Amino acid sequence: ALDVTLSEELKEEGLARELVNRIQNIRKDYDFEVTDKIEVDVEKNDKIDSSISNNLSYICGETLANSLNIVDVVNNNKVSVDLVDGISVNISIKKI
């Protein structure tokens, strides 16, 4: 029989992919060039923090982020994005 249960690792990978997609959409909305390096701040959220930590190099590599920081409060240019399973998170992106 095929095991179709999702492990925590797979769930975290899925969240990381969703986050990459949302960051890419924000880059596009901001008219950033494909090669522009960015800094990303993500507001602390218990539902996604471990996903970010465990997939940090993947997220940064896919989005050309020199840094991705989990912060208490996102202040500048805050964008609220919805991920899977009703999870939403506040993000700030800055071109460097």
PDB file of N, CA and C in Angstrom:
ATOM      1  N   ALA A   1       0.844  -1.194   0.000  1.00  0.00           N
ATOM      2  CA  ALA A   1       0.000   0.000   0.000  1.00  0.00           C
ATOM      3  C   ALA A   1       0.878   1.243   0.000  1.00  0.00           C
ATOM      4  N   LEU A   2       0.382   2.263  -0.607  1.00  0.00           N
ATOM      5  CA  LEU A   2       1.102   3.526  -0.711  1.00  0.00           C
ATOM      6  C   LEU A   2       0.824   4.383   0.513  1.00  0.00           C
ATOM      7  N   ASP A   3       1.881   4.851   1.168  1.00  0.00           N
ATOM      8  CA  ASP A   3       1.732   5.708   2.346  1.00  0.00           C
ATOM      9  C   ASP A   3       1.612   7.154   1.880  1.00  0.00           C
ATOM     10  N   VAL A   4       0.455   7.761   2.107  1.00  0.00           N
ATOM     11  CA  VAL A   4       0.225   9.130   1.631  1.00  0.00           C
ATOM     12  C   VAL A   4       0.193  10.147   2.769  1.00  0.00           C
ATOM     13  N   THR A   5       0.669   9.753   3.946  1.00  0.00           N
ATOM     14  CA  THR A   5       0.703  10.707   5.055  1.00  0.00           C
ATOM     15  C   THR A   5       1.850  11.684   4.840  1.00  0.00           C
ATOM     16  N   LEU A   6       1.622  12.918   5.247  1.00  0.00           N
ATOM     17  CA  LEU A   6       2.638  13.956   5.094  1.00  0.00           C
ATOM     18  C   LEU A   6       3.459  14.066   6.370  1.00  0.00           C
ATOM     19  N   SER A   7       4.760  13.917   6.245  1.00  0.00           N
ATOM     20  CA  SER A   7       5.640  14.092   7.396  1.00  0.00           C
ATOM     21  C   SER A   7       5.790  15.586   7.670  1.00  0.00           C
ATOM     22  N   GLU A   8       6.286  15.909   8.852  1.00  0.00           N
ATOM     23  CA  GLU A   8       6.533  17.314   9.189  1.00  0.00           C
ATOM     24  C   GLU A   8       7.518  17.929   8.197  1.00  0.00           C
ATOM     25  N   GLU A   9       8.509  17.153   7.802  1.00  0.00           N
ATOM     26  CA  GLU A   9       9.511  17.640   6.851  1.00  0.00           C
ATOM     27  C   GLU A   9       8.863  18.023   5.525  1.00  0.00           C
ATOM     28  N   LEU A  10       7.953  17.201   5.039  1.00  0.00           N
ATOM     29  CA  LEU A  10       7.264  17.512   3.782  1.00  0.00           C
ATOM     30  C   LEU A  10       6.365  18.737   3.924  1.00  0.00           C
ATOM     31  N   LYS A  11       5.695  18.861   5.061  1.00  0.00           N
ATOM     32  CA  LYS A  11       4.849  20.032   5.293  1.00  0.00           C
ATOM     33  C   LYS A  11       5.693  21.301   5.310  1.00  0.00           C
ATOM     34  N   GLU A  12       6.856  21.234   5.982  1.00  0.00           N
ATOM     35  CA  GLU A  12       7.747  22.394   6.036  1.00  0.00           C
ATOM     36  C   GLU A  12       8.273  22.748   4.654  1.00  0.00           C
ATOM     37  N   GLU A  13       8.597  21.737   3.854  1.00  0.00           N
ATOM     38  CA  GLU A  13       9.050  21.972   2.484  1.00  0.00           C
ATOM     39  C   GLU A  13       7.975  22.676   1.666  1.00  0.00           C
ATOM     40  N   GLY A  14       6.739  22.238   1.827  1.00  0.00           N
ATOM     41  CA  GLY A  14       5.618  22.862   1.123  1.00  0.00           C
ATOM     42  C   GLY A  14       5.436  24.310   1.524  1.00  0.00           C
ATOM     43  N   LEU A  15       5.545  24.597   2.822  1.00  0.00           N
ATOM     44  CA  LEU A  15       5.443  25.984   3.289  1.00  0.00           C
ATOM     45  C   LEU A  15       6.576  26.829   2.724  1.00  0.00           C
ATOM     46  N   ALA A  16       7.777  26.273   2.692  1.00  0.00           N
ATOM     47  CA  ALA A  16       8.922  27.004   2.140  1.00  0.00           C
ATOM     48  C   ALA A  16       8.686  27.333   0.667  1.00  0.00           C
ATOM     49  N   ARG A  17       8.156  26.389  -0.086  1.00  0.00           N
ATOM     50  CA  ARG A  17       7.866  26.628  -1.505  1.00  0.00           C
ATOM     51  C   ARG A  17       6.800  27.707  -1.676  1.00  0.00           C
ATOM     52  N   GLU A  18       5.779  27.665  -0.819  1.00  0.00           N
ATOM     53  CA  GLU A  18       4.738  28.699  -0.855  1.00  0.00           C
ATOM     54  C   GLU A  18       5.345  30.068  -0.569  1.00  0.00           C
ATOM     55  N   LEU A  19       6.223  30.133   0.428  1.00  0.00           N
ATOM     56  CA  LEU A  19       6.860  31.398   0.787  1.00  0.00           C
ATOM     57  C   LEU A  19       7.713  31.917  -0.369  1.00  0.00           C
ATOM     58  N   VAL A  20       8.461  31.034  -1.011  1.00  0.00           N
ATOM     59  CA  VAL A  20       9.266  31.423  -2.178  1.00  0.00           C
ATOM     60  C   VAL A  20       8.363  32.015  -3.251  1.00  0.00           C
ATOM     61  N   ASN A  21       7.244  31.361  -3.518  1.00  0.00           N
ATOM     62  CA  ASN A  21       6.305  31.848  -4.525  1.00  0.00           C
ATOM     63  C   ASN A  21       5.802  33.245  -4.180  1.00  0.00           C
ATOM     64  N   ARG A  22       5.442  33.474  -2.932  1.00  0.00           N
ATOM     65  CA  ARG A  22       4.922  34.787  -2.525  1.00  0.00           C
ATOM     66  C   ARG A  22       6.006  35.859  -2.608  1.00  0.00           C
ATOM     67  N   ILE A  23       7.225  35.518  -2.213  1.00  0.00           N
ATOM     68  CA  ILE A  23       8.331  36.480  -2.306  1.00  0.00           C
ATOM     69  C   ILE A  23       8.588  36.819  -3.770  1.00  0.00           C
ATOM     70  N   GLN A  24       8.561  35.828  -4.654  1.00  0.00           N
ATOM     71  CA  GLN A  24       8.761  36.078  -6.085  1.00  0.00           C
ATOM     72  C   GLN A  24       7.666  36.987  -6.637  1.00  0.00           C
ATOM     73  N   ASN A  25       6.430  36.779  -6.195  1.00  0.00           N
ATOM     74  CA  ASN A  25       5.331  37.644  -6.643  1.00  0.00           C
ATOM     75  C   ASN A  25       5.520  39.076  -6.169  1.00  0.00           C
ATOM     76  N   ILE A  26       6.000  39.251  -4.945  1.00  0.00           N
ATOM     77  CA  ILE A  26       6.256  40.603  -4.426  1.00  0.00           C
ATOM     78  C   ILE A  26       7.383  41.250  -5.221  1.00  0.00           C
ATOM     79  N   ARG A  27       8.445  40.502  -5.515  1.00  0.00           N
ATOM     80  CA  ARG A  27       9.540  41.033  -6.347  1.00  0.00           C
ATOM     81  C   ARG A  27       8.984  41.555  -7.668  1.00  0.00           C
ATOM     82  N   LYS A  28       8.099  40.766  -8.275  1.00  0.00           N
ATOM     83  CA  LYS A  28       7.500  41.146  -9.554  1.00  0.00           C
ATOM     84  C   LYS A  28       6.654  42.411  -9.395  1.00  0.00           C
ATOM     85  N   ASP A  29       5.840  42.461  -8.331  1.00  0.00           N
ATOM     86  CA  ASP A  29       5.002  43.638  -8.073  1.00  0.00           C
ATOM     87  C   ASP A  29       5.839  44.898  -7.870  1.00  0.00           C
ATOM     88  N   TYR A  30       7.025  44.743  -7.286  1.00  0.00           N
ATOM     89  CA  TYR A  30       7.920  45.879  -7.037  1.00  0.00           C
ATOM     90  C   TYR A  30       8.779  46.217  -8.255  1.00  0.00           C
ATOM     91  N   ASP A  31       8.596  45.491  -9.355  1.00  0.00           N
ATOM     92  CA  ASP A  31       9.371  45.688 -10.587  1.00  0.00           C
ATOM     93  C   ASP A  31      10.873  45.507 -10.385  1.00  0.00           C
ATOM     94  N   PHE A  32      11.253  44.584  -9.518  1.00  0.00           N
ATOM     95  CA  PHE A  32      12.670  44.273  -9.343  1.00  0.00           C
ATOM     96  C   PHE A  32      13.151  43.506 -10.566  1.00  0.00           C
ATOM     97  N   GLU A  33      14.426  43.691 -10.900  1.00  0.00           N
ATOM     98  CA  GLU A  33      15.037  42.924 -11.975  1.00  0.00           C
ATOM     99  C   GLU A  33      15.247  41.486 -11.497  1.00  0.00           C
ATOM    100  N   VAL A  34      15.322  40.570 -12.431  1.00  0.00           N
ATOM    101  CA  VAL A  34      15.499  39.156 -12.093  1.00  0.00           C
ATOM    102  C   VAL A  34      16.788  38.932 -11.302  1.00  0.00           C
ATOM    103  N   THR A  35      17.791  39.771 -11.550  1.00  0.00           N
ATOM    104  CA  THR A  35      19.092  39.590 -10.905  1.00  0.00           C
ATOM    105  C   THR A  35      19.263  40.408  -9.628  1.00  0.00           C
ATOM    106  N   ASP A  36      18.279  41.228  -9.262  1.00  0.00           N
ATOM    107  CA  ASP A  36      18.394  42.065  -8.064  1.00  0.00           C
ATOM    108  C   ASP A  36      18.461  41.216  -6.798  1.00  0.00           C
ATOM    109  N   LYS A  37      19.451  41.517  -5.969  1.00  0.00           N
ATOM    110  CA  LYS A  37      19.560  40.870  -4.657  1.00  0.00           C
ATOM    111  C   LYS A  37      18.627  41.589  -3.689  1.00  0.00           C
ATOM    112  N   ILE A  38      18.097  40.830  -2.721  1.00  0.00           N
ATOM    113  CA  ILE A  38      17.150  41.410  -1.774  1.00  0.00           C
ATOM    114  C   ILE A  38      17.484  40.994  -0.346  1.00  0.00           C
ATOM    115  N   GLU A  39      16.876  41.713   0.600  1.00  0.00           N
ATOM    116  CA  GLU A  39      16.854  41.327   2.008  1.00  0.00           C
ATOM    117  C   GLU A  39      15.398  41.113   2.369  1.00  0.00           C
ATOM    118  N   VAL A  40      15.113  40.061   3.104  1.00  0.00           N
ATOM    119  CA  VAL A  40      13.741  39.723   3.460  1.00  0.00           C
ATOM    120  C   VAL A  40      13.600  39.681   4.978  1.00  0.00           C
ATOM    121  N   ASP A  41      12.557  40.326   5.483  1.00  0.00           N
ATOM    122  CA  ASP A  41      12.176  40.199   6.889  1.00  0.00           C
ATOM    123  C   ASP A  41      10.825  39.508   6.929  1.00  0.00           C
ATOM    124  N   VAL A  42      10.707  38.507   7.773  1.00  0.00           N
ATOM    125  CA  VAL A  42       9.452  37.788   7.956  1.00  0.00           C
ATOM    126  C   VAL A  42       9.068  37.911   9.422  1.00  0.00           C
ATOM    127  N   GLU A  43       7.824  38.319   9.652  1.00  0.00           N
ATOM    128  CA  GLU A  43       7.355  38.466  11.026  1.00  0.00           C
ATOM    129  C   GLU A  43       7.232  37.097  11.686  1.00  0.00           C
ATOM    130  N   LYS A  44       7.686  37.036  12.920  1.00  0.00           N
ATOM    131  CA  LYS A  44       7.658  35.796  13.694  1.00  0.00           C
ATOM    132  C   LYS A  44       6.268  35.164  13.661  1.00  0.00           C
ATOM    133  N   ASN A  45       6.228  33.873  13.374  1.00  0.00           N
ATOM    134  CA  ASN A  45       4.968  33.138  13.305  1.00  0.00           C
ATOM    135  C   ASN A  45       5.270  31.676  13.634  1.00  0.00           C
ATOM    136  N   ASP A  46       4.736  31.202  14.737  1.00  0.00           N
ATOM    137  CA  ASP A  46       5.036  29.838  15.200  1.00  0.00           C
ATOM    138  C   ASP A  46       4.760  28.778  14.148  1.00  0.00           C
ATOM    139  N   LYS A  47       3.827  29.042  13.246  1.00  0.00           N
ATOM    140  CA  LYS A  47       3.432  28.032  12.262  1.00  0.00           C
ATOM    141  C   LYS A  47       4.417  27.905  11.104  1.00  0.00           C
ATOM    142  N   ILE A  48       5.301  28.890  10.946  1.00  0.00           N
ATOM    143  CA  ILE A  48       6.203  28.841   9.787  1.00  0.00           C
ATOM    144  C   ILE A  48       7.679  29.022  10.146  1.00  0.00           C
ATOM    145  N   ASP A  49       7.984  29.444  11.369  1.00  0.00           N
ATOM    146  CA  ASP A  49       9.376  29.712  11.740  1.00  0.00           C
ATOM    147  C   ASP A  49      10.304  28.515  11.516  1.00  0.00           C
ATOM    148  N   SER A  50       9.885  27.312  11.916  1.00  0.00           N
ATOM    149  CA  SER A  50      10.760  26.145  11.739  1.00  0.00           C
ATOM    150  C   SER A  50      10.918  25.802  10.258  1.00  0.00           C
ATOM    151  N   SER A  51       9.878  26.036   9.477  1.00  0.00           N
ATOM    152  CA  SER A  51       9.965  25.799   8.039  1.00  0.00           C
ATOM    153  C   SER A  51      11.009  26.715   7.409  1.00  0.00           C
ATOM    154  N   ILE A  52      11.024  27.972   7.846  1.00  0.00           N
ATOM    155  CA  ILE A  52      12.016  28.920   7.330  1.00  0.00           C
ATOM    156  C   ILE A  52      13.416  28.494   7.755  1.00  0.00           C
ATOM    157  N   SER A  53      13.592  28.204   9.035  1.00  0.00           N
ATOM    158  CA  SER A  53      14.912  27.819   9.549  1.00  0.00           C
ATOM    159  C   SER A  53      15.454  26.577   8.854  1.00  0.00           C
ATOM    160  N   ASN A  54      14.603  25.580   8.655  1.00  0.00           N
ATOM    161  CA  ASN A  54      15.047  24.315   8.071  1.00  0.00           C
ATOM    162  C   ASN A  54      15.223  24.366   6.558  1.00  0.00           C
ATOM    163  N   ASN A  55      14.708  25.406   5.917  1.00  0.00           N
ATOM    164  CA  ASN A  55      14.805  25.531   4.456  1.00  0.00           C
ATOM    165  C   ASN A  55      15.406  26.870   4.043  1.00  0.00           C
ATOM    166  N   LEU A  56      16.198  27.458   4.930  1.00  0.00           N
ATOM    167  CA  LEU A  56      16.718  28.810   4.712  1.00  0.00           C
ATOM    168  C   LEU A  56      17.542  28.932   3.435  1.00  0.00           C
ATOM    169  N   SER A  57      18.468  28.018   3.207  1.00  0.00           N
ATOM    170  CA  SER A  57      19.323  28.148   2.018  1.00  0.00           C
ATOM    171  C   SER A  57      18.502  27.996   0.738  1.00  0.00           C
ATOM    172  N   TYR A  58      17.507  27.116   0.746  1.00  0.00           N
ATOM    173  CA  TYR A  58      16.629  26.959  -0.418  1.00  0.00           C
ATOM    174  C   TYR A  58      15.862  28.252  -0.691  1.00  0.00           C
ATOM    175  N   ILE A  59      15.250  28.825   0.346  1.00  0.00           N
ATOM    176  CA  ILE A  59      14.453  30.047   0.182  1.00  0.00           C
ATOM    177  C   ILE A  59      15.333  31.184  -0.328  1.00  0.00           C
ATOM    178  N   CYS A  60      16.488  31.369   0.301  1.00  0.00           N
ATOM    179  CA  CYS A  60      17.388  32.454  -0.112  1.00  0.00           C
ATOM    180  C   CYS A  60      17.908  32.238  -1.532  1.00  0.00           C
ATOM    181  N   GLY A  61      18.240  31.019  -1.866  1.00  0.00           N
ATOM    182  CA  GLY A  61      18.739  30.717  -3.205  1.00  0.00           C
ATOM    183  C   GLY A  61      17.710  30.977  -4.287  1.00  0.00           C
ATOM    184  N   GLU A  62      16.480  30.576  -4.045  1.00  0.00           N
ATOM    185  CA  GLU A  62      15.415  30.739  -5.034  1.00  0.00           C
ATOM    186  C   GLU A  62      14.979  32.190  -5.206  1.00  0.00           C
ATOM    187  N   THR A  63      15.140  33.007  -4.169  1.00  0.00           N
ATOM    188  CA  THR A  63      14.646  34.389  -4.215  1.00  0.00           C
ATOM    189  C   THR A  63      15.764  35.416  -4.350  1.00  0.00           C
ATOM    190  N   LEU A  64      17.014  34.961  -4.435  1.00  0.00           N
ATOM    191  CA  LEU A  64      18.195  35.834  -4.467  1.00  0.00           C
ATOM    192  C   LEU A  64      18.260  36.732  -3.233  1.00  0.00           C
ATOM    193  N   ALA A  65      17.886  36.174  -2.085  1.00  0.00           N
ATOM    194  CA  ALA A  65      17.939  36.929  -0.831  1.00  0.00           C
ATOM    195  C   ALA A  65      19.308  36.742  -0.191  1.00  0.00           C
ATOM    196  N   ASN A  66      20.008  37.859   0.043  1.00  0.00           N
ATOM    197  CA  ASN A  66      21.274  37.787   0.764  1.00  0.00           C
ATOM    198  C   ASN A  66      21.040  37.461   2.227  1.00  0.00           C
ATOM    199  N   SER A  67      19.864  37.875   2.736  1.00  0.00           N
ATOM    200  CA  SER A  67      19.519  37.552   4.116  1.00  0.00           C
ATOM    201  C   SER A  67      18.014  37.400   4.241  1.00  0.00           C
ATOM    202  N   LEU A  68      17.621  36.540   5.160  1.00  0.00           N
ATOM    203  CA  LEU A  68      16.220  36.363   5.504  1.00  0.00           C
ATOM    204  C   LEU A  68      16.173  36.315   7.022  1.00  0.00           C
ATOM    205  N   ASN A  69      15.507  37.295   7.601  1.00  0.00           N
ATOM    206  CA  ASN A  69      15.468  37.427   9.049  1.00  0.00           C
ATOM    207  C   ASN A  69      14.058  37.229   9.569  1.00  0.00           C
ATOM    208  N   ILE A  70      13.938  36.495  10.661  1.00  0.00           N
ATOM    209  CA  ILE A  70      12.661  36.382  11.361  1.00  0.00           C
ATOM    210  C   ILE A  70      12.679  37.457  12.440  1.00  0.00           C
ATOM    211  N   VAL A  71      11.742  38.398  12.349  1.00  0.00           N
ATOM    212  CA  VAL A  71      11.721  39.555  13.250  1.00  0.00           C
ATOM    213  C   VAL A  71      10.418  39.579  14.046  1.00  0.00           C
ATOM    214  N   ASP A  72      10.433  40.306  15.169  1.00  0.00           N
ATOM    215  CA  ASP A  72       9.226  40.410  16.001  1.00  0.00           C
ATOM    216  C   ASP A  72       8.107  41.123  15.261  1.00  0.00           C
ATOM    217  N   VAL A  73       8.450  42.261  14.638  1.00  0.00           N
ATOM    218  CA  VAL A  73       7.452  43.055  13.922  1.00  0.00           C
ATOM    219  C   VAL A  73       8.073  43.575  12.630  1.00  0.00           C
ATOM    220  N   VAL A  74       7.364  43.402  11.524  1.00  0.00           N
ATOM    221  CA  VAL A  74       7.801  43.969  10.246  1.00  0.00           C
ATOM    222  C   VAL A  74       7.243  45.384  10.177  1.00  0.00           C
ATOM    223  N   ASN A  75       8.126  46.366  10.033  1.00  0.00           N
ATOM    224  CA  ASN A  75       7.692  47.760  10.033  1.00  0.00           C
ATOM    225  C   ASN A  75       7.623  48.373   8.641  1.00  0.00           C
ATOM    226  N   ASN A  76       8.663  48.209   7.862  1.00  0.00           N
ATOM    227  CA  ASN A  76       8.765  48.911   6.580  1.00  0.00           C
ATOM    228  C   ASN A  76       8.206  48.084   5.427  1.00  0.00           C
ATOM    229  N   ASN A  77       7.371  48.717   4.611  1.00  0.00           N
ATOM    230  CA  ASN A  77       6.831  48.079   3.401  1.00  0.00           C
ATOM    231  C   ASN A  77       6.242  46.698   3.668  1.00  0.00           C
ATOM    232  N   LYS A  78       5.459  46.607   4.717  1.00  0.00           N
ATOM    233  CA  LYS A  78       4.887  45.316   5.109  1.00  0.00           C
ATOM    234  C   LYS A  78       3.861  44.837   4.092  1.00  0.00           C
ATOM    235  N   VAL A  79       3.980  43.570   3.703  1.00  0.00           N
ATOM    236  CA  VAL A  79       3.017  42.918   2.830  1.00  0.00           C
ATOM    237  C   VAL A  79       2.528  41.677   3.566  1.00  0.00           C
ATOM    238  N   SER A  80       1.215  41.525   3.668  1.00  0.00           N
ATOM    239  CA  SER A  80       0.647  40.338   4.296  1.00  0.00           C
ATOM    240  C   SER A  80       0.332  39.323   3.206  1.00  0.00           C
ATOM    241  N   VAL A  81       0.858  38.114   3.354  1.00  0.00           N
ATOM    242  CA  VAL A  81       0.627  37.078   2.349  1.00  0.00           C
ATOM    243  C   VAL A  81      -0.020  35.857   2.992  1.00  0.00           C
ATOM    244  N   ASP A  82      -0.879  35.217   2.226  1.00  0.00           N
ATOM    245  CA  ASP A  82      -1.537  33.994   2.678  1.00  0.00           C
ATOM    246  C   ASP A  82      -0.799  32.797   2.107  1.00  0.00           C
ATOM    247  N   LEU A  83      -0.518  31.848   2.973  1.00  0.00           N
ATOM    248  CA  LEU A  83       0.113  30.600   2.561  1.00  0.00           C
ATOM    249  C   LEU A  83      -0.937  29.494   2.640  1.00  0.00           C
ATOM    250  N   VAL A  84      -0.535  28.271   2.719  1.00  0.00           N
ATOM    251  CA  VAL A  84      -1.477  27.148   2.789  1.00  0.00           C
ATOM    252  C   VAL A  84      -2.074  27.004   4.186  1.00  0.00           C
ATOM    253  N   ASP A  85      -3.165  26.279   4.281  1.00  0.00           N
ATOM    254  CA  ASP A  85      -3.802  25.936   5.558  1.00  0.00           C
ATOM    255  C   ASP A  85      -4.156  27.147   6.412  1.00  0.00           C
ATOM    256  N   GLY A  86      -4.522  28.254   5.778  1.00  0.00           N
ATOM    257  CA  GLY A  86      -4.943  29.432   6.519  1.00  0.00           C
ATOM    258  C   GLY A  86      -3.824  30.175   7.218  1.00  0.00           C
ATOM    259  N   ILE A  87      -2.587  29.872   6.894  1.00  0.00           N
ATOM    260  CA  ILE A  87      -1.442  30.556   7.502  1.00  0.00           C
ATOM    261  C   ILE A  87      -1.168  31.826   6.718  1.00  0.00           C
ATOM    262  N   SER A  88      -1.094  32.952   7.431  1.00  0.00           N
ATOM    263  CA  SER A  88      -0.682  34.189   6.767  1.00  0.00           C
ATOM    264  C   SER A  88       0.487  34.771   7.542  1.00  0.00           C
ATOM    265  N   VAL A  89       1.319  35.510   6.835  1.00  0.00           N
ATOM    266  CA  VAL A  89       2.535  36.041   7.438  1.00  0.00           C
ATOM    267  C   VAL A  89       2.825  37.408   6.833  1.00  0.00           C
ATOM    268  N   ASN A  90       3.432  38.282   7.632  1.00  0.00           N
ATOM    269  CA  ASN A  90       3.834  39.604   7.156  1.00  0.00           C
ATOM    270  C   ASN A  90       5.290  39.550   6.709  1.00  0.00           C
ATOM    271  N   ILE A  91       5.541  40.137   5.547  1.00  0.00           N
ATOM    272  CA  ILE A  91       6.867  40.098   4.927  1.00  0.00           C
ATOM    273  C   ILE A  91       7.264  41.506   4.503  1.00  0.00           C
ATOM    274  N   SER A  92       8.545  41.787   4.560  1.00  0.00           N
ATOM    275  CA  SER A  92       9.094  43.020   4.009  1.00  0.00           C
ATOM    276  C   SER A  92      10.282  42.639   3.129  1.00  0.00           C
ATOM    277  N   ILE A  93      10.337  43.240   1.943  1.00  0.00           N
ATOM    278  CA  ILE A  93      11.420  42.958   1.003  1.00  0.00           C
ATOM    279  C   ILE A  93      12.086  44.267   0.613  1.00  0.00           C
ATOM    280  N   LYS A  94      13.411  44.257   0.638  1.00  0.00           N
ATOM    281  CA  LYS A  94      14.164  45.454   0.278  1.00  0.00           C
ATOM    282  C   LYS A  94      15.254  45.070  -0.709  1.00  0.00           C
ATOM    283  N   LYS A  95      15.356  45.853  -1.795  1.00  0.00           N
ATOM    284  CA  LYS A  95      16.424  45.628  -2.776  1.00  0.00           C
ATOM    285  C   LYS A  95      17.727  46.158  -2.195  1.00  0.00           C
ATOM    286  N   ILE A  96      18.821  45.416  -2.429  1.00  0.00           N
ATOM    287  CA  ILE A  96      20.123  45.872  -1.924  1.00  0.00           C
ATOM    288  C   ILE A  96      21.111  46.049  -3.055  1.00  0.00           C
TER     289      ILE A  96
END
